[in-house]
Amino acid sequence: MLTLTPPPQSGVWSAISGLAHDLRQPLSVIEACADYLNLVLPPTDHRARQQLQLLEQQVGEANRILHEALLKLHYSDEPAEPATSRPLTKAASAAGTY
């Protein structure tokens, strides 16, 4: 588990952590919809399942980009503080990254 220790307050960090929070909600909703579609789509609908897999991959990619941006900001010369200790999405939770 990655734990970031809070350095001094930063306006930039506050803005980015707010953005990260704002992005978590739609990513989580998209992820929940994908989970539901996995349950209800017939196994024979290969094209829809391919599109669903692409959607899940892109949610994971968006999560990775957001996570890396937060880490870069935290470890840059700019003072920062962690936004939160909860995972960005269930993919982050499963991977053990926060």
C-alpha atoms as a PDB file:
ATOM      1  CA  MET A   1       0.000   0.000   0.000  1.00  0.00           C
ATOM      2  CA  LEU A   2       1.337   3.385  -0.999  1.00  0.00           C
ATOM      3  CA  THR A   3       1.124   6.000   1.722  1.00  0.00           C
ATOM      4  CA  LEU A   4       1.986   9.592   0.934  1.00  0.00           C
ATOM      5  CA  THR A   5       3.049  11.771   3.834  1.00  0.00           C
ATOM      6  CA  PRO A   6       1.597  15.252   3.804  1.00  0.00           C
ATOM      7  CA  PRO A   7       4.087  18.054   3.112  1.00  0.00           C
ATOM      8  CA  PRO A   8       3.061  21.716   3.491  1.00  0.00           C
ATOM      9  CA  GLN A   9      -0.189  22.937   1.913  1.00  0.00           C
ATOM     10  CA  SER A  10      -0.186  23.653  -1.805  1.00  0.00           C
ATOM     11  CA  GLY A  11      -2.764  25.375  -3.958  1.00  0.00           C
ATOM     12  CA  VAL A  12      -1.710  23.272  -6.941  1.00  0.00           C
ATOM     13  CA  TRP A  13      -2.073  20.049  -4.965  1.00  0.00           C
ATOM     14  CA  SER A  14      -5.500  21.116  -3.721  1.00  0.00           C
ATOM     15  CA  ALA A  15      -6.641  21.777  -7.281  1.00  0.00           C
ATOM     16  CA  ILE A  16      -5.266  18.452  -8.561  1.00  0.00           C
ATOM     17  CA  SER A  17      -6.665  16.462  -5.655  1.00  0.00           C
ATOM     18  CA  GLY A  18     -10.051  18.063  -6.310  1.00  0.00           C
ATOM     19  CA  LEU A  19      -9.783  17.064  -9.949  1.00  0.00           C
ATOM     20  CA  ALA A  20      -8.826  13.514  -8.954  1.00  0.00           C
ATOM     21  CA  HIS A  21     -11.889  13.354  -6.723  1.00  0.00           C
ATOM     22  CA  ASP A  22     -14.107  14.673  -9.520  1.00  0.00           C
ATOM     23  CA  LEU A  23     -12.748  12.075 -11.959  1.00  0.00           C
ATOM     24  CA  ARG A  24     -13.215   9.174  -9.556  1.00  0.00           C
ATOM     25  CA  GLN A  25     -16.987   9.378  -9.662  1.00  0.00           C
ATOM     26  CA  PRO A  26     -17.508   9.058 -13.439  1.00  0.00           C
ATOM     27  CA  LEU A  27     -14.799   6.390 -13.666  1.00  0.00           C
ATOM     28  CA  SER A  28     -16.519   4.411 -10.932  1.00  0.00           C
ATOM     29  CA  VAL A  29     -19.906   4.772 -12.647  1.00  0.00           C
ATOM     30  CA  ILE A  30     -18.461   3.606 -15.979  1.00  0.00           C
ATOM     31  CA  GLU A  31     -16.822   0.692 -14.208  1.00  0.00           C
ATOM     32  CA  ALA A  32     -20.106  -0.257 -12.491  1.00  0.00           C
ATOM     33  CA  CYS A  33     -21.952  -0.113 -15.825  1.00  0.00           C
ATOM     34  CA  ALA A  34     -19.306  -2.369 -17.379  1.00  0.00           C
ATOM     35  CA  ASP A  35     -19.738  -4.845 -14.523  1.00  0.00           C
ATOM     36  CA  TYR A  36     -23.490  -4.853 -15.071  1.00  0.00           C
ATOM     37  CA  LEU A  37     -23.096  -5.342 -18.816  1.00  0.00           C
ATOM     38  CA  ASN A  38     -20.768  -8.272 -18.138  1.00  0.00           C
ATOM     39  CA  LEU A  39     -23.600  -9.872 -16.196  1.00  0.00           C
ATOM     40  CA  VAL A  40     -26.397  -9.290 -18.706  1.00  0.00           C
ATOM     41  CA  LEU A  41     -24.720  -9.554 -22.110  1.00  0.00           C
ATOM     42  CA  PRO A  42     -25.175 -12.935 -23.731  1.00  0.00           C
ATOM     43  CA  PRO A  43     -21.886 -14.812 -24.122  1.00  0.00           C
ATOM     44  CA  THR A  44     -22.592 -15.105 -27.850  1.00  0.00           C
ATOM     45  CA  ASP A  45     -22.554 -11.318 -28.408  1.00  0.00           C
ATOM     46  CA  HIS A  46     -18.859 -11.208 -29.235  1.00  0.00           C
ATOM     47  CA  ARG A  47     -18.812  -7.704 -30.720  1.00  0.00           C
ATOM     48  CA  ALA A  48     -20.484  -6.170 -27.653  1.00  0.00           C
ATOM     49  CA  ARG A  49     -18.107  -8.081 -25.366  1.00  0.00           C
ATOM     50  CA  GLN A  50     -15.117  -6.770 -27.337  1.00  0.00           C
ATOM     51  CA  GLN A  51     -16.384  -3.221 -26.907  1.00  0.00           C
ATOM     52  CA  LEU A  52     -16.977  -3.851 -23.224  1.00  0.00           C
ATOM     53  CA  GLN A  53     -13.426  -5.141 -22.821  1.00  0.00           C
ATOM     54  CA  LEU A  54     -12.115  -2.007 -24.545  1.00  0.00           C
ATOM     55  CA  LEU A  55     -14.197   0.148 -22.188  1.00  0.00           C
ATOM     56  CA  GLU A  56     -12.759  -1.656 -19.158  1.00  0.00           C
ATOM     57  CA  GLN A  57      -9.210  -1.245 -20.486  1.00  0.00           C
ATOM     58  CA  GLN A  58      -9.724   2.482 -21.019  1.00  0.00           C
ATOM     59  CA  VAL A  59     -11.079   2.940 -17.489  1.00  0.00           C
ATOM     60  CA  GLY A  60      -7.938   1.201 -16.233  1.00  0.00           C
ATOM     61  CA  GLU A  61      -5.772   3.436 -18.416  1.00  0.00           C
ATOM     62  CA  ALA A  62      -7.507   6.588 -17.146  1.00  0.00           C
ATOM     63  CA  ASN A  63      -6.955   5.365 -13.593  1.00  0.00           C
ATOM     64  CA  ARG A  64      -3.254   4.731 -14.302  1.00  0.00           C
ATOM     65  CA  ILE A  65      -2.771   8.194 -15.809  1.00  0.00           C
ATOM     66  CA  LEU A  66      -4.496   9.868 -12.877  1.00  0.00           C
ATOM     67  CA  HIS A  67      -2.520   7.859 -10.340  1.00  0.00           C
ATOM     68  CA  GLU A  68       0.816   8.630 -12.028  1.00  0.00           C
ATOM     69  CA  ALA A  69      -0.034  12.335 -12.249  1.00  0.00           C
ATOM     70  CA  LEU A  70      -0.790  12.430  -8.523  1.00  0.00           C
ATOM     71  CA  LEU A  71       2.477  10.663  -7.722  1.00  0.00           C
ATOM     72  CA  LYS A  72       4.509  12.969  -9.977  1.00  0.00           C
ATOM     73  CA  LEU A  73       2.944  15.998  -8.388  1.00  0.00           C
ATOM     74  CA  HIS A  74       3.519  14.655  -4.897  1.00  0.00           C
ATOM     75  CA  TYR A  75       7.188  13.892  -5.505  1.00  0.00           C
ATOM     76  CA  SER A  76       7.950  17.019  -7.532  1.00  0.00           C
ATOM     77  CA  ASP A  77       9.620  20.104  -6.080  1.00  0.00           C
ATOM     78  CA  GLU A  78       6.179  21.583  -5.493  1.00  0.00           C
ATOM     79  CA  PRO A  79       4.992  20.982  -1.902  1.00  0.00           C
ATOM     80  CA  ALA A  80       1.940  18.736  -1.862  1.00  0.00           C
ATOM     81  CA  GLU A  81      -0.438  16.817   0.349  1.00  0.00           C
ATOM     82  CA  PRO A  82      -2.295  13.571  -0.417  1.00  0.00           C
ATOM     83  CA  ALA A  83      -5.853  13.908  -1.661  1.00  0.00           C
ATOM     84  CA  THR A  84      -7.176  10.791   0.015  1.00  0.00           C
ATOM     85  CA  SER A  85      -6.182   7.296   0.972  1.00  0.00           C
ATOM     86  CA  ARG A  86      -8.977   5.539  -0.906  1.00  0.00           C
ATOM     87  CA  PRO A  87      -8.419   3.842  -4.277  1.00  0.00           C
ATOM     88  CA  LEU A  88      -9.264   5.682  -7.464  1.00  0.00           C
ATOM     89  CA  THR A  89     -11.297   2.758  -8.809  1.00  0.00           C
ATOM     90  CA  LYS A  90     -11.740  -0.908  -8.015  1.00  0.00           C
ATOM     91  CA  ALA A  91      -8.860  -1.617 -10.431  1.00  0.00           C
ATOM     92  CA  ALA A  92      -6.583   0.458  -8.204  1.00  0.00           C
ATOM     93  CA  SER A  93      -7.902  -1.354  -5.180  1.00  0.00           C
ATOM     94  CA  ALA A  94      -7.285  -4.756  -6.752  1.00  0.00           C
ATOM     95  CA  ALA A  95      -3.791  -3.737  -7.802  1.00  0.00           C
ATOM     96  CA  GLY A  96      -3.044  -2.429  -4.331  1.00  0.00           C
ATOM     97  CA  THR A  97      -2.255   1.065  -5.627  1.00  0.00           C
ATOM     98  CA  TYR A  98      -3.739   4.185  -4.087  1.00  0.00           C
END
